[in-house]
Amino acid sequence: MSAVEDRLAELGLTLPGVAAPVAAYIPALRTGRYVHTSGQLPLVEGKLPLTGKVGAEVTAEEAKELARTCALNALAAVKSVIGDLDRVVRVVKVTGFVASAPDFTGQPGVINGTSELLGEVLGEKGVHARSAVGVAVLPLDAPVEVEIQVEVEDGADAGAAAG
């Protein structure tokens, strides 16, 4: 097990399998020294634990926990491409989408779930630039969706894509 996965275990977390795409795309793609994930929903064993809009059917605190799940799914997608999360040099960018009730303005607090998890797991390598965007609706009526971009160690042994 990698040091990153050891740290996940210390936090009482396990890296899930890669979430199956819900449409025509791959979960992650490597180009040069960067891995870009597709948007990761908070799927747990293939299902959404909650659906609906944040600020209506889903509380901000519940959505923050779902954003942590999105981060775990994103790390699983990254691992599927590079094989070992210890090869992550740093998280470059996080983009979070929050399906929001019309008067909900707490998107940054929700996406903190992702940012905080990446920091807990990767330390300084997890510090990143970020956008937190409110949207009308997300696939499958998910409350949250997150994509990440990471820089990885250069290495010819890593595949270009996983799906």
N, C-alpha and C. Protein backbone atom coordinates (compact mmCIF):
# COMPACT_ATOMS: atom_id res chain seq x y z
N MET A 1 0.85 -1.19 0.00
CA MET A 1 0.00 0.00 0.00
C MET A 1 0.89 1.25 0.00
N SER A 2 0.43 2.29 -0.68
CA SER A 2 1.20 3.53 -0.77
C SER A 2 1.08 4.34 0.51
N ALA A 3 1.95 5.32 0.68
CA ALA A 3 1.89 6.21 1.84
C ALA A 3 0.57 6.97 1.85
N VAL A 4 0.08 7.35 0.68
CA VAL A 4 -1.20 8.06 0.61
C VAL A 4 -2.32 7.14 1.10
N GLU A 5 -2.31 5.91 0.67
CA GLU A 5 -3.35 4.98 1.11
C GLU A 5 -3.20 4.63 2.59
N ASP A 6 -1.97 4.60 3.10
CA ASP A 6 -1.75 4.43 4.53
C ASP A 6 -2.39 5.60 5.29
N ARG A 7 -2.22 6.82 4.77
CA ARG A 7 -2.81 8.00 5.41
C ARG A 7 -4.33 7.92 5.37
N LEU A 8 -4.90 7.48 4.27
CA LEU A 8 -6.35 7.28 4.19
C LEU A 8 -6.81 6.31 5.28
N ALA A 9 -6.07 5.21 5.44
CA ALA A 9 -6.42 4.21 6.46
C ALA A 9 -6.35 4.82 7.86
N GLU A 10 -5.33 5.65 8.11
CA GLU A 10 -5.23 6.33 9.41
C GLU A 10 -6.45 7.20 9.68
N LEU A 11 -7.02 7.76 8.63
CA LEU A 11 -8.21 8.60 8.75
C LEU A 11 -9.50 7.79 8.78
N GLY A 12 -9.36 6.46 8.69
CA GLY A 12 -10.53 5.59 8.70
C GLY A 12 -11.24 5.53 7.36
N LEU A 13 -10.51 5.86 6.28
CA LEU A 13 -11.08 5.90 4.94
C LEU A 13 -10.43 4.85 4.06
N THR A 14 -11.16 4.39 3.08
CA THR A 14 -10.60 3.50 2.07
C THR A 14 -10.89 4.08 0.70
N LEU A 15 -9.98 3.85 -0.21
CA LEU A 15 -10.15 4.31 -1.58
C LEU A 15 -11.14 3.37 -2.27
N PRO A 16 -12.22 3.92 -2.82
CA PRO A 16 -13.20 3.05 -3.49
C PRO A 16 -12.68 2.61 -4.85
N GLY A 17 -13.39 1.70 -5.48
CA GLY A 17 -13.13 1.40 -6.87
C GLY A 17 -13.50 2.62 -7.70
N VAL A 18 -13.04 2.67 -8.92
CA VAL A 18 -13.36 3.80 -9.79
C VAL A 18 -14.85 3.77 -10.11
N ALA A 19 -15.49 4.91 -9.91
CA ALA A 19 -16.92 5.02 -10.21
C ALA A 19 -17.13 4.86 -11.71
N ALA A 20 -18.10 4.05 -12.08
CA ALA A 20 -18.40 3.83 -13.49
C ALA A 20 -18.98 5.11 -14.10
N PRO A 21 -18.56 5.47 -15.29
CA PRO A 21 -19.12 6.65 -15.95
C PRO A 21 -20.63 6.49 -16.15
N VAL A 22 -21.35 7.63 -16.07
CA VAL A 22 -22.79 7.60 -16.30
C VAL A 22 -23.14 8.02 -17.72
N ALA A 23 -22.12 8.26 -18.55
CA ALA A 23 -22.33 8.65 -19.96
C ALA A 23 -21.08 8.27 -20.75
N ALA A 24 -20.86 8.90 -21.90
CA ALA A 24 -19.76 8.56 -22.80
C ALA A 24 -18.51 9.38 -22.49
N TYR A 25 -17.74 8.92 -21.52
CA TYR A 25 -16.48 9.56 -21.14
C TYR A 25 -15.67 8.56 -20.32
N ILE A 26 -14.43 8.93 -20.01
CA ILE A 26 -13.60 8.10 -19.14
C ILE A 26 -13.41 8.84 -17.81
N PRO A 27 -13.18 8.11 -16.73
CA PRO A 27 -13.06 8.75 -15.42
C PRO A 27 -11.87 9.70 -15.28
N ALA A 28 -10.76 9.40 -15.96
CA ALA A 28 -9.57 10.25 -15.85
C ALA A 28 -8.71 10.08 -17.09
N LEU A 29 -7.95 11.13 -17.37
CA LEU A 29 -7.07 11.12 -18.53
C LEU A 29 -5.76 11.79 -18.16
N ARG A 30 -4.68 11.13 -18.54
CA ARG A 30 -3.37 11.72 -18.33
C ARG A 30 -2.88 12.36 -19.62
N THR A 31 -2.36 13.57 -19.51
CA THR A 31 -1.71 14.23 -20.62
C THR A 31 -0.43 14.86 -20.07
N GLY A 32 0.72 14.38 -20.54
CA GLY A 32 1.99 14.86 -20.01
C GLY A 32 2.10 14.55 -18.52
N ARG A 33 2.37 15.59 -17.73
CA ARG A 33 2.53 15.42 -16.28
C ARG A 33 1.24 15.67 -15.51
N TYR A 34 0.12 15.77 -16.22
CA TYR A 34 -1.14 16.11 -15.55
C TYR A 34 -2.19 15.04 -15.76
N VAL A 35 -2.98 14.81 -14.71
CA VAL A 35 -4.15 13.95 -14.80
C VAL A 35 -5.36 14.83 -14.54
N HIS A 36 -6.32 14.74 -15.43
CA HIS A 36 -7.58 15.47 -15.31
C HIS A 36 -8.67 14.44 -15.06
N THR A 37 -9.45 14.62 -14.02
CA THR A 37 -10.57 13.71 -13.81
C THR A 37 -11.82 14.29 -14.45
N SER A 38 -12.69 13.41 -14.84
CA SER A 38 -14.04 13.82 -15.20
C SER A 38 -14.74 14.22 -13.91
N GLY A 39 -15.88 14.84 -14.03
CA GLY A 39 -16.65 15.18 -12.84
C GLY A 39 -16.99 13.92 -12.07
N GLN A 40 -16.71 13.94 -10.78
CA GLN A 40 -16.96 12.78 -9.92
C GLN A 40 -18.17 13.08 -9.03
N LEU A 41 -19.17 12.23 -9.14
CA LEU A 41 -20.35 12.34 -8.28
C LEU A 41 -20.04 11.64 -6.95
N PRO A 42 -20.84 11.89 -5.93
CA PRO A 42 -20.61 11.23 -4.64
C PRO A 42 -21.21 9.83 -4.59
N LEU A 43 -20.89 9.03 -5.59
CA LEU A 43 -21.41 7.67 -5.65
C LEU A 43 -20.72 6.79 -4.60
N VAL A 44 -21.52 5.98 -3.93
CA VAL A 44 -21.03 4.99 -2.98
C VAL A 44 -21.60 3.66 -3.43
N GLU A 45 -20.71 2.76 -3.82
CA GLU A 45 -21.13 1.46 -4.35
C GLU A 45 -22.15 1.62 -5.48
N GLY A 46 -21.90 2.62 -6.35
CA GLY A 46 -22.72 2.83 -7.52
C GLY A 46 -24.01 3.60 -7.31
N LYS A 47 -24.24 4.08 -6.08
CA LYS A 47 -25.49 4.78 -5.79
C LYS A 47 -25.22 6.11 -5.11
N LEU A 48 -26.13 7.06 -5.32
CA LEU A 48 -26.06 8.34 -4.62
C LEU A 48 -26.73 8.20 -3.26
N PRO A 49 -26.02 8.54 -2.17
CA PRO A 49 -26.64 8.45 -0.84
C PRO A 49 -27.76 9.48 -0.63
N LEU A 50 -27.67 10.62 -1.30
CA LEU A 50 -28.67 11.68 -1.22
C LEU A 50 -28.84 12.30 -2.60
N THR A 51 -30.02 12.83 -2.87
CA THR A 51 -30.26 13.57 -4.10
C THR A 51 -30.98 14.86 -3.75
N GLY A 52 -30.94 15.80 -4.68
CA GLY A 52 -31.68 17.04 -4.50
C GLY A 52 -30.78 18.25 -4.45
N LYS A 53 -31.40 19.38 -4.20
CA LYS A 53 -30.69 20.66 -4.17
C LYS A 53 -30.19 20.96 -2.77
N VAL A 54 -28.99 21.52 -2.71
CA VAL A 54 -28.43 21.95 -1.43
C VAL A 54 -29.14 23.24 -1.04
N GLY A 55 -29.56 23.30 0.21
CA GLY A 55 -30.35 24.43 0.69
C GLY A 55 -31.84 24.14 0.62
N ALA A 56 -32.21 22.99 0.09
CA ALA A 56 -33.61 22.56 0.04
C ALA A 56 -33.69 21.14 0.61
N GLU A 57 -33.52 20.11 -0.25
CA GLU A 57 -33.61 18.72 0.22
C GLU A 57 -32.36 18.25 0.94
N VAL A 58 -31.23 18.89 0.69
CA VAL A 58 -29.93 18.48 1.26
C VAL A 58 -29.34 19.66 2.03
N THR A 59 -28.87 19.41 3.24
CA THR A 59 -28.26 20.48 4.03
C THR A 59 -26.84 20.75 3.55
N ALA A 60 -26.34 21.91 3.88
CA ALA A 60 -24.96 22.25 3.52
C ALA A 60 -23.98 21.27 4.16
N GLU A 61 -24.22 20.86 5.38
CA GLU A 61 -23.32 19.91 6.06
C GLU A 61 -23.36 18.55 5.38
N GLU A 62 -24.55 18.08 4.98
CA GLU A 62 -24.64 16.81 4.24
C GLU A 62 -23.89 16.93 2.92
N ALA A 63 -24.05 18.05 2.24
CA ALA A 63 -23.38 18.25 0.95
C ALA A 63 -21.87 18.30 1.13
N LYS A 64 -21.40 18.87 2.21
CA LYS A 64 -19.95 18.91 2.47
C LYS A 64 -19.40 17.49 2.62
N GLU A 65 -20.15 16.62 3.28
CA GLU A 65 -19.73 15.22 3.40
C GLU A 65 -19.74 14.54 2.03
N LEU A 66 -20.73 14.86 1.21
CA LEU A 66 -20.78 14.30 -0.14
C LEU A 66 -19.59 14.78 -0.97
N ALA A 67 -19.16 16.01 -0.75
CA ALA A 67 -17.98 16.54 -1.46
C ALA A 67 -16.72 15.77 -1.05
N ARG A 68 -16.66 15.29 0.19
CA ARG A 68 -15.54 14.43 0.61
C ARG A 68 -15.57 13.12 -0.18
N THR A 69 -16.76 12.57 -0.37
CA THR A 69 -16.90 11.35 -1.15
C THR A 69 -16.47 11.58 -2.59
N CYS A 70 -16.84 12.74 -3.15
CA CYS A 70 -16.40 13.09 -4.50
C CYS A 70 -14.88 13.09 -4.58
N ALA A 71 -14.22 13.64 -3.55
CA ALA A 71 -12.75 13.69 -3.52
C ALA A 71 -12.16 12.28 -3.50
N LEU A 72 -12.73 11.39 -2.72
CA LEU A 72 -12.25 10.00 -2.70
C LEU A 72 -12.42 9.36 -4.07
N ASN A 73 -13.56 9.60 -4.70
CA ASN A 73 -13.78 9.05 -6.05
C ASN A 73 -12.80 9.64 -7.05
N ALA A 74 -12.48 10.92 -6.90
CA ALA A 74 -11.50 11.55 -7.80
C ALA A 74 -10.11 10.95 -7.59
N LEU A 75 -9.73 10.72 -6.34
CA LEU A 75 -8.43 10.09 -6.08
C LEU A 75 -8.38 8.68 -6.66
N ALA A 76 -9.49 7.95 -6.57
CA ALA A 76 -9.54 6.61 -7.17
C ALA A 76 -9.35 6.69 -8.68
N ALA A 77 -9.96 7.70 -9.31
CA ALA A 77 -9.81 7.88 -10.76
C ALA A 77 -8.36 8.20 -11.11
N VAL A 78 -7.73 9.06 -10.32
CA VAL A 78 -6.32 9.40 -10.55
C VAL A 78 -5.46 8.14 -10.41
N LYS A 79 -5.70 7.38 -9.36
CA LYS A 79 -4.91 6.15 -9.15
C LYS A 79 -5.07 5.18 -10.32
N SER A 80 -6.26 5.13 -10.90
CA SER A 80 -6.48 4.20 -12.01
C SER A 80 -5.61 4.52 -13.21
N VAL A 81 -5.14 5.76 -13.29
CA VAL A 81 -4.32 6.19 -14.41
C VAL A 81 -2.83 6.09 -14.09
N ILE A 82 -2.45 6.42 -12.85
CA ILE A 82 -1.01 6.47 -12.52
C ILE A 82 -0.54 5.29 -11.67
N GLY A 83 -1.45 4.50 -11.16
CA GLY A 83 -1.08 3.29 -10.43
C GLY A 83 -0.75 3.48 -8.97
N ASP A 84 -0.17 4.59 -8.57
CA ASP A 84 0.27 4.81 -7.21
C ASP A 84 0.10 6.28 -6.86
N LEU A 85 -0.75 6.56 -5.88
CA LEU A 85 -1.01 7.96 -5.51
C LEU A 85 0.20 8.67 -4.93
N ASP A 86 1.24 7.92 -4.56
CA ASP A 86 2.48 8.57 -4.10
C ASP A 86 3.16 9.32 -5.24
N ARG A 87 2.74 9.08 -6.46
CA ARG A 87 3.31 9.78 -7.62
C ARG A 87 2.71 11.17 -7.82
N VAL A 88 1.68 11.51 -7.04
CA VAL A 88 1.09 12.85 -7.13
C VAL A 88 2.08 13.87 -6.59
N VAL A 89 2.41 14.86 -7.43
CA VAL A 89 3.29 15.96 -7.02
C VAL A 89 2.48 17.01 -6.28
N ARG A 90 1.28 17.33 -6.83
CA ARG A 90 0.38 18.26 -6.16
C ARG A 90 -0.96 18.27 -6.87
N VAL A 91 -1.97 18.64 -6.10
CA VAL A 91 -3.28 18.92 -6.69
C VAL A 91 -3.19 20.35 -7.21
N VAL A 92 -3.48 20.54 -8.48
CA VAL A 92 -3.36 21.85 -9.11
C VAL A 92 -4.67 22.62 -8.98
N LYS A 93 -5.79 21.98 -9.31
CA LYS A 93 -7.07 22.69 -9.35
C LYS A 93 -8.21 21.76 -8.98
N VAL A 94 -9.15 22.31 -8.22
CA VAL A 94 -10.40 21.64 -7.91
C VAL A 94 -11.52 22.51 -8.45
N THR A 95 -12.45 21.90 -9.16
CA THR A 95 -13.65 22.60 -9.59
C THR A 95 -14.84 21.84 -9.00
N GLY A 96 -15.62 22.54 -8.20
CA GLY A 96 -16.77 21.93 -7.55
C GLY A 96 -18.07 22.56 -8.01
N PHE A 97 -19.05 21.72 -8.27
CA PHE A 97 -20.37 22.15 -8.69
C PHE A 97 -21.37 21.74 -7.62
N VAL A 98 -22.20 22.69 -7.22
CA VAL A 98 -23.19 22.43 -6.18
C VAL A 98 -24.58 22.72 -6.74
N ALA A 99 -25.42 21.69 -6.81
CA ALA A 99 -26.81 21.88 -7.23
C ALA A 99 -27.49 22.65 -6.10
N SER A 100 -27.85 23.89 -6.38
CA SER A 100 -28.24 24.81 -5.32
C SER A 100 -29.69 25.26 -5.42
N ALA A 101 -30.35 25.33 -4.26
CA ALA A 101 -31.64 26.01 -4.20
C ALA A 101 -31.40 27.47 -4.60
N PRO A 102 -32.41 28.15 -5.13
CA PRO A 102 -32.21 29.51 -5.64
C PRO A 102 -31.58 30.49 -4.66
N ASP A 103 -31.82 30.34 -3.38
CA ASP A 103 -31.28 31.29 -2.40
C ASP A 103 -30.04 30.76 -1.66
N PHE A 104 -29.51 29.62 -2.08
CA PHE A 104 -28.33 29.06 -1.40
C PHE A 104 -27.06 29.68 -1.95
N THR A 105 -26.22 30.21 -1.06
CA THR A 105 -24.98 30.87 -1.47
C THR A 105 -23.75 30.29 -0.76
N GLY A 106 -23.87 29.12 -0.18
CA GLY A 106 -22.78 28.54 0.58
C GLY A 106 -21.94 27.53 -0.19
N GLN A 107 -21.83 27.68 -1.50
CA GLN A 107 -21.07 26.73 -2.31
C GLN A 107 -19.62 26.56 -1.83
N PRO A 108 -18.91 27.65 -1.47
CA PRO A 108 -17.53 27.45 -1.00
C PRO A 108 -17.42 26.54 0.22
N GLY A 109 -18.36 26.66 1.15
CA GLY A 109 -18.34 25.80 2.33
C GLY A 109 -18.58 24.35 2.00
N VAL A 110 -19.44 24.10 1.02
CA VAL A 110 -19.70 22.72 0.59
C VAL A 110 -18.43 22.12 -0.03
N ILE A 111 -17.80 22.84 -0.93
CA ILE A 111 -16.63 22.31 -1.62
C ILE A 111 -15.42 22.24 -0.69
N ASN A 112 -15.49 22.89 0.46
CA ASN A 112 -14.45 22.69 1.48
C ASN A 112 -14.34 21.22 1.85
N GLY A 113 -15.41 20.46 1.71
CA GLY A 113 -15.34 19.02 1.98
C GLY A 113 -14.27 18.35 1.13
N THR A 114 -14.21 18.72 -0.13
CA THR A 114 -13.18 18.19 -1.03
C THR A 114 -11.81 18.73 -0.65
N SER A 115 -11.72 20.04 -0.51
CA SER A 115 -10.43 20.68 -0.24
C SER A 115 -9.83 20.18 1.07
N GLU A 116 -10.64 20.07 2.10
CA GLU A 116 -10.14 19.61 3.40
C GLU A 116 -9.67 18.16 3.33
N LEU A 117 -10.43 17.30 2.63
CA LEU A 117 -10.00 15.91 2.52
C LEU A 117 -8.67 15.81 1.78
N LEU A 118 -8.52 16.55 0.69
CA LEU A 118 -7.25 16.50 -0.05
C LEU A 118 -6.09 16.97 0.82
N GLY A 119 -6.33 17.97 1.64
CA GLY A 119 -5.30 18.44 2.56
C GLY A 119 -4.97 17.41 3.63
N GLU A 120 -6.00 16.77 4.19
CA GLU A 120 -5.78 15.75 5.22
C GLU A 120 -4.97 14.58 4.67
N VAL A 121 -5.25 14.20 3.42
CA VAL A 121 -4.63 13.02 2.83
C VAL A 121 -3.26 13.33 2.23
N LEU A 122 -3.14 14.47 1.55
CA LEU A 122 -1.92 14.77 0.79
C LEU A 122 -1.05 15.85 1.43
N GLY A 123 -1.49 16.46 2.51
CA GLY A 123 -0.71 17.53 3.14
C GLY A 123 -0.52 18.69 2.19
N GLU A 124 0.69 19.24 2.13
CA GLU A 124 0.98 20.39 1.27
C GLU A 124 0.72 20.09 -0.21
N LYS A 125 0.85 18.84 -0.61
CA LYS A 125 0.57 18.47 -2.01
C LYS A 125 -0.91 18.63 -2.35
N GLY A 126 -1.75 18.71 -1.33
CA GLY A 126 -3.18 18.84 -1.54
C GLY A 126 -3.68 20.27 -1.63
N VAL A 127 -2.80 21.26 -1.40
CA VAL A 127 -3.18 22.67 -1.49
C VAL A 127 -3.34 23.04 -2.96
N HIS A 128 -4.45 23.69 -3.31
CA HIS A 128 -4.80 23.87 -4.72
C HIS A 128 -5.56 25.16 -4.98
N ALA A 129 -5.63 25.53 -6.25
CA ALA A 129 -6.55 26.57 -6.71
C ALA A 129 -7.93 25.92 -6.81
N ARG A 130 -9.01 26.77 -6.77
CA ARG A 130 -10.32 26.16 -6.72
C ARG A 130 -11.40 27.09 -7.23
N SER A 131 -12.44 26.49 -7.77
CA SER A 131 -13.70 27.17 -8.08
C SER A 131 -14.82 26.38 -7.43
N ALA A 132 -15.80 27.09 -6.87
CA ALA A 132 -17.00 26.48 -6.29
C ALA A 132 -18.20 27.17 -6.93
N VAL A 133 -18.95 26.42 -7.74
CA VAL A 133 -19.97 27.01 -8.59
C VAL A 133 -21.34 26.44 -8.24
N GLY A 134 -22.32 27.31 -8.12
CA GLY A 134 -23.70 26.88 -7.94
C GLY A 134 -24.35 26.65 -9.29
N VAL A 135 -25.05 25.53 -9.42
CA VAL A 135 -25.73 25.19 -10.68
C VAL A 135 -27.17 24.77 -10.38
N ALA A 136 -28.00 24.78 -11.42
CA ALA A 136 -29.41 24.44 -11.26
C ALA A 136 -29.63 22.95 -11.00
N VAL A 137 -28.88 22.10 -11.69
CA VAL A 137 -29.07 20.66 -11.56
C VAL A 137 -27.80 19.95 -11.99
N LEU A 138 -27.57 18.77 -11.43
CA LEU A 138 -26.42 17.93 -11.79
C LEU A 138 -26.92 16.56 -12.23
N PRO A 139 -26.07 15.77 -12.90
CA PRO A 139 -26.49 14.44 -13.35
C PRO A 139 -27.05 13.59 -12.20
N LEU A 140 -28.10 12.85 -12.50
CA LEU A 140 -28.76 11.94 -11.56
C LEU A 140 -29.35 12.66 -10.36
N ASP A 141 -29.49 13.99 -10.43
CA ASP A 141 -29.98 14.83 -9.33
C ASP A 141 -29.00 14.82 -8.15
N ALA A 142 -27.70 14.63 -8.47
CA ALA A 142 -26.67 14.67 -7.43
C ALA A 142 -26.58 16.09 -6.84
N PRO A 143 -26.33 16.20 -5.55
CA PRO A 143 -26.17 17.52 -4.94
C PRO A 143 -24.82 18.17 -5.25
N VAL A 144 -23.79 17.34 -5.51
CA VAL A 144 -22.43 17.84 -5.67
C VAL A 144 -21.72 17.04 -6.75
N GLU A 145 -20.82 17.70 -7.47
CA GLU A 145 -19.93 17.05 -8.44
C GLU A 145 -18.59 17.77 -8.37
N VAL A 146 -17.50 17.01 -8.42
CA VAL A 146 -16.16 17.60 -8.29
C VAL A 146 -15.24 17.00 -9.34
N GLU A 147 -14.41 17.85 -9.93
CA GLU A 147 -13.32 17.37 -10.79
C GLU A 147 -12.02 17.94 -10.26
N ILE A 148 -10.94 17.19 -10.43
CA ILE A 148 -9.63 17.67 -9.99
C ILE A 148 -8.61 17.51 -11.11
N GLN A 149 -7.59 18.32 -11.02
CA GLN A 149 -6.42 18.21 -11.90
C GLN A 149 -5.21 18.07 -10.99
N VAL A 150 -4.39 17.07 -11.27
CA VAL A 150 -3.19 16.86 -10.46
C VAL A 150 -1.96 16.77 -11.35
N GLU A 151 -0.85 17.24 -10.80
CA GLU A 151 0.44 17.06 -11.44
C GLU A 151 1.04 15.79 -10.86
N VAL A 152 1.65 14.98 -11.73
CA VAL A 152 2.25 13.72 -11.28
C VAL A 152 3.70 13.65 -11.70
N GLU A 153 4.45 12.79 -11.03
CA GLU A 153 5.83 12.55 -11.42
C GLU A 153 5.86 12.09 -12.85
N ASP A 154 6.87 12.51 -13.56
CA ASP A 154 7.04 12.06 -14.94
C ASP A 154 7.38 10.58 -14.91
N GLY A 155 6.82 9.83 -15.83
CA GLY A 155 7.12 8.41 -15.89
C GLY A 155 6.48 7.77 -17.09
N ALA A 156 7.25 7.07 -17.85
CA ALA A 156 6.76 6.46 -19.09
C ALA A 156 5.89 5.25 -18.81
N ASP A 157 5.89 4.72 -17.55
CA ASP A 157 5.15 3.51 -17.27
C ASP A 157 3.67 3.76 -17.04
N ALA A 158 3.24 5.01 -16.91
CA ALA A 158 1.84 5.29 -16.63
C ALA A 158 1.03 5.27 -17.91
N GLY A 159 -0.19 4.77 -17.82
CA GLY A 159 -1.07 4.74 -18.97
C GLY A 159 -1.64 6.11 -19.26
N ALA A 160 -2.20 6.28 -20.44
CA ALA A 160 -2.77 7.57 -20.85
C ALA A 160 -4.21 7.73 -20.38
N ALA A 161 -4.92 6.63 -20.20
CA ALA A 161 -6.32 6.75 -19.81
C ALA A 161 -6.76 5.48 -19.10
N ALA A 162 -7.82 5.62 -18.36
CA ALA A 162 -8.43 4.46 -17.71
C ALA A 162 -9.93 4.59 -17.84
N GLY A 163 -10.61 3.53 -17.89
CA GLY A 163 -12.06 3.61 -18.03
C GLY A 163 -12.64 2.33 -17.66
